[in-house]
Amino acid sequence: MTSLRRARLLVAGAAVAAAASSVFLALLTAALLAERGEGLAVAYGSAAFGAAGLAVGLLVLARAGAVARTDPARGRALCIRCCVWALFAVLAVFIVGGVAGYLTRAAAPIWGSTVAGVLLIALVGLAARQRVVLQIYR
């Protein structure tokens, strides 16, 4: 796969993740306005955070591919940084979901944090793969 095609796929994926994030934010607003419970609001908020994190991470990976053309070490460093921040975000999302589930005694926050965690773990995998691909092409 060429680097231009990879960059286009990453940016298109970021656009889809940003759209999903806005949908989750709309659901969060609707849950808050309807006063359906704080558990559901935390679930939608966590899922929106995960989708937004995925969108930003995909854009960083696209940038890493562009930077790697002139400076391969800097491109790989961007991939590593993206991977580390995504791992911290996964940890934060699971902690928030667990605490919110415990406090609200509802399952919805845990499901929301699971959705966010899966999206961010996918970003970790993509960042690790992108780093390896950039190392091969140097």
Protein backbone atom coordinates (compact mmCIF):
# COMPACT_ATOMS: atom_id res chain seq x y z
CA MET A 1 0.00 0.00 0.00
CA THR A 2 1.39 3.37 -0.94
CA SER A 3 1.91 6.06 1.65
CA LEU A 4 -0.54 8.39 -0.10
CA ARG A 5 -3.29 5.74 -0.03
CA ARG A 6 -2.53 4.99 3.63
CA ALA A 7 -2.79 8.68 4.49
CA ARG A 8 -6.12 8.97 2.68
CA LEU A 9 -7.47 5.95 4.55
CA LEU A 10 -6.32 7.35 7.88
CA VAL A 11 -7.91 10.75 7.22
CA ALA A 12 -11.14 9.11 6.02
CA GLY A 13 -11.19 6.98 9.17
CA ALA A 14 -10.65 10.11 11.25
CA ALA A 15 -13.64 11.74 9.54
CA VAL A 16 -15.84 8.74 10.33
CA ALA A 17 -14.64 8.69 13.95
CA ALA A 18 -15.34 12.41 14.27
CA ALA A 19 -18.85 11.87 12.93
CA ALA A 20 -19.37 9.04 15.43
CA SER A 21 -18.12 11.31 18.19
CA SER A 22 -20.66 13.97 17.28
CA VAL A 23 -23.43 11.34 17.29
CA PHE A 24 -22.39 10.19 20.76
CA LEU A 25 -22.33 13.81 21.94
CA ALA A 26 -25.85 14.31 20.58
CA LEU A 27 -26.98 11.19 22.45
CA LEU A 28 -25.26 12.51 25.58
CA THR A 29 -27.13 15.81 25.27
CA ALA A 30 -30.43 14.01 24.73
CA ALA A 31 -29.83 11.81 27.78
CA LEU A 32 -29.04 14.84 29.93
CA LEU A 33 -32.07 16.78 28.73
CA ALA A 34 -34.44 13.84 29.16
CA GLU A 35 -33.00 13.19 32.63
CA ARG A 36 -32.67 9.48 31.92
CA GLY A 37 -29.97 8.99 34.49
CA GLU A 38 -26.36 9.78 34.96
CA GLY A 39 -25.22 6.27 34.04
CA LEU A 40 -26.39 6.61 30.47
CA ALA A 41 -24.86 10.08 30.21
CA VAL A 42 -21.48 8.76 31.37
CA ALA A 43 -21.74 5.92 28.85
CA TYR A 44 -22.35 8.27 25.94
CA GLY A 45 -19.66 10.65 27.18
CA SER A 46 -17.10 7.86 27.41
CA ALA A 47 -17.97 6.58 23.95
CA ALA A 48 -17.69 10.13 22.56
CA PHE A 49 -14.28 10.50 24.22
CA GLY A 50 -13.11 7.23 22.66
CA ALA A 51 -14.32 8.20 19.20
CA ALA A 52 -12.74 11.65 19.45
CA GLY A 53 -9.49 10.11 20.66
CA LEU A 54 -9.52 7.72 17.71
CA ALA A 55 -10.09 10.61 15.29
CA VAL A 56 -7.20 12.63 16.71
CA GLY A 57 -4.94 9.59 16.80
CA LEU A 58 -5.64 8.72 13.18
CA LEU A 59 -4.76 12.27 12.16
CA VAL A 60 -1.51 12.04 14.14
CA LEU A 61 -0.68 8.78 12.36
CA ALA A 62 -1.36 10.37 8.99
CA ARG A 63 0.98 13.20 9.98
CA ALA A 64 3.60 10.68 11.09
CA GLY A 65 3.53 9.10 7.65
CA ALA A 66 4.01 12.49 6.01
CA VAL A 67 6.84 13.45 8.36
CA ALA A 68 8.56 10.08 7.85
CA ARG A 69 9.26 10.94 4.22
CA THR A 70 11.85 13.50 5.26
CA ASP A 71 12.71 12.34 8.79
CA PRO A 72 11.96 8.65 9.46
CA ALA A 73 13.02 8.80 13.11
CA ARG A 74 10.62 11.65 13.84
CA GLY A 75 7.77 9.80 12.10
CA ARG A 76 8.39 6.70 14.21
CA ALA A 77 8.55 8.88 17.34
CA LEU A 78 5.12 10.33 16.52
CA CYS A 79 3.75 6.79 16.22
CA ILE A 80 5.22 5.81 19.57
CA ARG A 81 3.83 8.95 21.21
CA CYS A 82 0.38 8.24 19.77
CA CYS A 83 0.54 4.67 21.07
CA VAL A 84 1.54 5.76 24.59
CA TRP A 85 -1.16 8.45 24.82
CA ALA A 86 -3.79 5.99 23.57
CA LEU A 87 -2.76 3.51 26.27
CA PHE A 88 -3.12 6.20 28.94
CA ALA A 89 -6.54 7.11 27.53
CA VAL A 90 -7.64 3.46 27.65
CA LEU A 91 -6.63 3.28 31.30
CA ALA A 92 -8.46 6.52 32.11
CA VAL A 93 -11.63 5.42 30.30
CA PHE A 94 -11.77 2.10 32.11
CA ILE A 95 -11.21 3.76 35.48
CA VAL A 96 -13.93 6.34 34.85
CA GLY A 97 -16.34 3.66 33.61
CA GLY A 98 -15.68 1.42 36.59
CA VAL A 99 -16.07 4.19 39.15
CA ALA A 100 -19.21 5.54 37.46
CA GLY A 101 -20.67 2.05 37.27
CA TYR A 102 -19.99 1.52 40.94
CA LEU A 103 -21.44 4.89 41.98
CA THR A 104 -24.56 4.72 39.79
CA ARG A 105 -25.07 0.96 40.17
CA ALA A 106 -25.78 0.81 36.43
CA ALA A 107 -24.18 -1.20 33.66
CA ALA A 108 -24.34 1.57 31.06
CA PRO A 109 -21.11 3.37 32.11
CA ILE A 110 -19.19 0.12 31.87
CA TRP A 111 -20.52 -0.53 28.36
CA GLY A 112 -19.68 3.02 27.30
CA SER A 113 -16.15 2.70 28.60
CA THR A 114 -15.83 -0.66 26.84
CA VAL A 115 -16.77 0.95 23.51
CA ALA A 116 -14.23 3.73 24.12
CA GLY A 117 -11.60 1.22 25.19
CA VAL A 118 -12.06 -0.90 22.08
CA LEU A 119 -11.74 2.18 19.84
CA LEU A 120 -8.59 3.33 21.62
CA ILE A 121 -7.05 -0.15 21.68
CA ALA A 122 -7.58 -0.29 17.92
CA LEU A 123 -5.64 2.99 17.75
CA VAL A 124 -2.80 1.42 19.75
CA GLY A 125 -2.64 -1.44 17.26
CA LEU A 126 -2.67 0.92 14.29
CA ALA A 127 0.07 3.07 15.81
CA ALA A 128 2.26 0.04 16.47
CA ARG A 129 1.71 -1.23 12.93
CA GLN A 130 2.38 2.20 11.43
CA ARG A 131 5.68 2.37 13.32
CA VAL A 132 6.75 -0.99 11.94
CA VAL A 133 5.72 0.00 8.41
CA LEU A 134 7.68 3.23 8.67
CA GLN A 135 10.71 1.31 9.93
CA ILE A 136 10.55 -1.05 6.96
CA TYR A 137 10.34 1.76 4.41
CA ARG A 138 13.28 3.76 5.70
